[in-house]
């Protein structure tokens, strides 16, 4: 069962840097695939969003999660570990998007079952290239789990 043609993809962006969040949202506006970008600024709110708690009670289920590692309150590693252990959300693909290219961070993320690890770009053109690549693979080629 595939996605209906004009139903937008729901993307959860977990990013505490307002500038990076703005650049990513801008880059997503440039792609052809319709997407709703939901942004939360820390790991606690990411989990509340996913579990539809408190003010996130009516949040949409994401088709894809873009997760920064270095977050306030609960870091991305903790969020990733919890997401991949929770039956209701563990099948949602998680792309780690981090400024770190340390082998330890990459190994840890994949060890926690990240679906992909991408080094965060530094300028708008690079953000657009990353988002176009995400669109081509994750939103057009890959079959994503429903509900």
Protein backbone atom coordinates (compact mmCIF):
# COMPACT_ATOMS: atom_id res chain seq x y z
CA UNK A 1 0.00 0.00 0.00
CA UNK A 2 1.68 3.21 -1.13
CA UNK A 3 1.20 6.80 -0.12
CA UNK A 4 -1.53 8.78 -1.83
CA UNK A 5 -0.05 11.19 -4.33
CA UNK A 6 -0.75 14.53 -2.59
CA UNK A 7 -0.52 13.41 1.04
CA UNK A 8 2.48 15.22 2.52
CA UNK A 9 5.22 13.37 4.35
CA UNK A 10 5.43 14.17 8.04
CA UNK A 11 8.98 14.94 9.14
CA UNK A 12 9.98 15.47 12.76
CA UNK A 13 13.07 17.67 13.02
CA UNK A 14 14.71 17.53 16.44
CA UNK A 15 17.09 20.50 16.39
CA UNK A 16 18.03 23.02 19.07
CA UNK A 17 19.90 25.38 16.75
CA UNK A 18 17.29 27.83 15.37
CA UNK A 19 19.52 28.75 12.41
CA UNK A 20 19.97 25.12 11.35
CA UNK A 21 16.26 24.45 11.78
CA UNK A 22 15.44 27.47 9.61
CA UNK A 23 17.89 26.35 6.89
CA UNK A 24 16.49 22.82 6.89
CA UNK A 25 12.90 24.05 6.68
CA UNK A 26 13.90 26.37 3.84
CA UNK A 27 15.64 23.52 2.01
CA UNK A 28 12.55 21.30 2.39
CA UNK A 29 10.44 24.05 0.77
CA UNK A 30 12.62 23.73 -2.35
CA UNK A 31 11.93 20.05 -3.02
CA UNK A 32 9.07 18.65 -5.08
CA UNK A 33 7.81 16.15 -2.52
CA UNK A 34 5.23 17.73 -0.20
CA UNK A 35 6.36 17.63 3.45
CA UNK A 36 5.17 19.00 6.75
CA UNK A 37 8.16 19.82 8.94
CA UNK A 38 7.49 19.68 12.67
CA UNK A 39 10.31 21.10 14.79
CA UNK A 40 11.06 20.44 18.43
CA UNK A 41 14.10 21.86 20.22
CA UNK A 42 15.13 19.12 22.63
CA UNK A 43 14.96 15.41 23.32
CA UNK A 44 12.23 15.66 25.95
CA UNK A 45 9.88 17.41 23.53
CA UNK A 46 10.83 14.94 20.77
CA UNK A 47 9.60 12.04 22.89
CA UNK A 48 6.50 13.94 24.02
CA UNK A 49 5.76 14.66 20.32
CA UNK A 50 6.21 11.00 19.35
CA UNK A 51 4.06 9.74 22.23
CA UNK A 52 1.49 12.53 21.74
CA UNK A 53 1.75 13.83 25.27
CA UNK A 54 0.71 17.19 26.75
CA UNK A 55 0.56 19.95 24.11
CA UNK A 56 1.56 17.38 21.44
CA UNK A 57 -1.60 15.28 21.97
CA UNK A 58 -2.69 15.80 18.35
CA UNK A 59 0.74 15.63 16.72
CA UNK A 60 0.99 13.67 13.48
CA UNK A 61 2.95 10.43 13.39
CA UNK A 62 6.23 11.22 11.62
CA UNK A 63 7.22 9.28 8.51
CA UNK A 64 10.83 10.26 9.16
CA UNK A 65 12.82 11.70 12.07
CA UNK A 66 15.82 14.01 11.59
CA UNK A 67 17.69 13.94 14.89
CA UNK A 68 20.55 16.08 16.14
CA UNK A 69 22.78 14.33 18.69
CA UNK A 70 23.71 17.22 20.95
CA UNK A 71 20.44 18.40 22.44
CA UNK A 72 19.44 19.99 25.74
CA UNK A 73 17.47 18.15 28.44
CA UNK A 74 17.80 14.73 26.76
CA UNK A 75 20.44 14.23 24.11
CA UNK A 76 19.91 12.59 20.74
CA UNK A 77 21.61 9.35 21.77
CA UNK A 78 19.09 8.90 24.59
CA UNK A 79 16.19 9.78 22.27
CA UNK A 80 17.43 7.32 19.64
CA UNK A 81 17.83 4.54 22.21
CA UNK A 82 14.32 5.10 23.55
CA UNK A 83 12.70 5.37 20.12
CA UNK A 84 14.29 2.16 18.86
CA UNK A 85 13.16 0.26 21.96
CA UNK A 86 9.56 1.46 21.86
CA UNK A 87 7.23 -0.82 19.90
CA UNK A 88 4.92 2.01 18.80
CA UNK A 89 7.60 4.16 17.12
CA UNK A 90 10.69 1.99 16.53
CA UNK A 91 9.97 1.47 12.83
CA UNK A 92 10.08 5.18 12.03
CA UNK A 93 13.37 5.77 10.20
CA UNK A 94 15.76 8.02 12.13
CA UNK A 95 18.42 10.00 10.31
CA UNK A 96 21.04 11.43 12.62
CA UNK A 97 22.02 14.88 11.40
CA UNK A 98 24.98 16.08 13.45
CA UNK A 99 27.94 18.43 13.25
CA UNK A 100 30.06 15.61 14.68
CA UNK A 101 31.92 13.31 12.35
CA UNK A 102 33.67 11.48 15.21
CA UNK A 103 33.89 7.75 14.71
CA UNK A 104 32.58 7.25 18.25
CA UNK A 105 29.39 9.22 17.52
CA UNK A 106 28.86 7.40 14.21
CA UNK A 107 29.42 3.97 15.81
CA UNK A 108 27.16 4.84 18.76
CA UNK A 109 24.35 6.07 16.49
CA UNK A 110 24.41 2.96 14.32
CA UNK A 111 24.73 0.80 17.44
CA UNK A 112 21.48 2.38 18.65
CA UNK A 113 19.88 1.50 15.28
CA UNK A 114 19.97 4.84 13.49
CA UNK A 115 18.94 4.33 9.89
CA UNK A 116 21.47 6.83 8.58
CA UNK A 117 24.10 9.29 9.81
CA UNK A 118 24.74 12.52 7.92
CA UNK A 119 27.20 15.24 8.82
CA UNK A 120 25.29 18.49 9.16
CA UNK A 121 26.08 20.97 6.37
CA UNK A 122 27.36 24.48 6.99
CA UNK A 123 25.57 26.59 4.36
CA UNK A 124 22.24 26.77 2.55
CA UNK A 125 23.50 25.16 -0.68
CA UNK A 126 24.81 22.17 1.25
CA UNK A 127 21.58 21.95 3.29
CA UNK A 128 19.64 21.90 0.01
CA UNK A 129 21.85 19.09 -1.34
CA UNK A 130 21.35 17.03 1.82
CA UNK A 131 17.59 17.54 1.74
CA UNK A 132 17.42 16.64 -1.97
CA UNK A 133 19.34 13.45 -1.21
CA UNK A 134 16.97 12.64 1.67
CA UNK A 135 14.04 13.30 -0.66
CA UNK A 136 15.43 11.08 -3.43
CA UNK A 137 16.14 8.12 -1.17
CA UNK A 138 13.84 8.29 1.85
CA UNK A 139 10.77 10.00 0.35
CA UNK A 140 10.80 8.62 -3.18
CA UNK A 141 12.76 5.36 -3.40
CA UNK A 142 12.45 3.71 0.02
CA UNK A 143 9.20 2.15 1.21
CA UNK A 144 8.43 3.63 4.61
CA UNK A 145 6.35 1.83 7.22
CA UNK A 146 2.82 3.10 7.75
CA UNK A 147 1.23 3.74 11.14
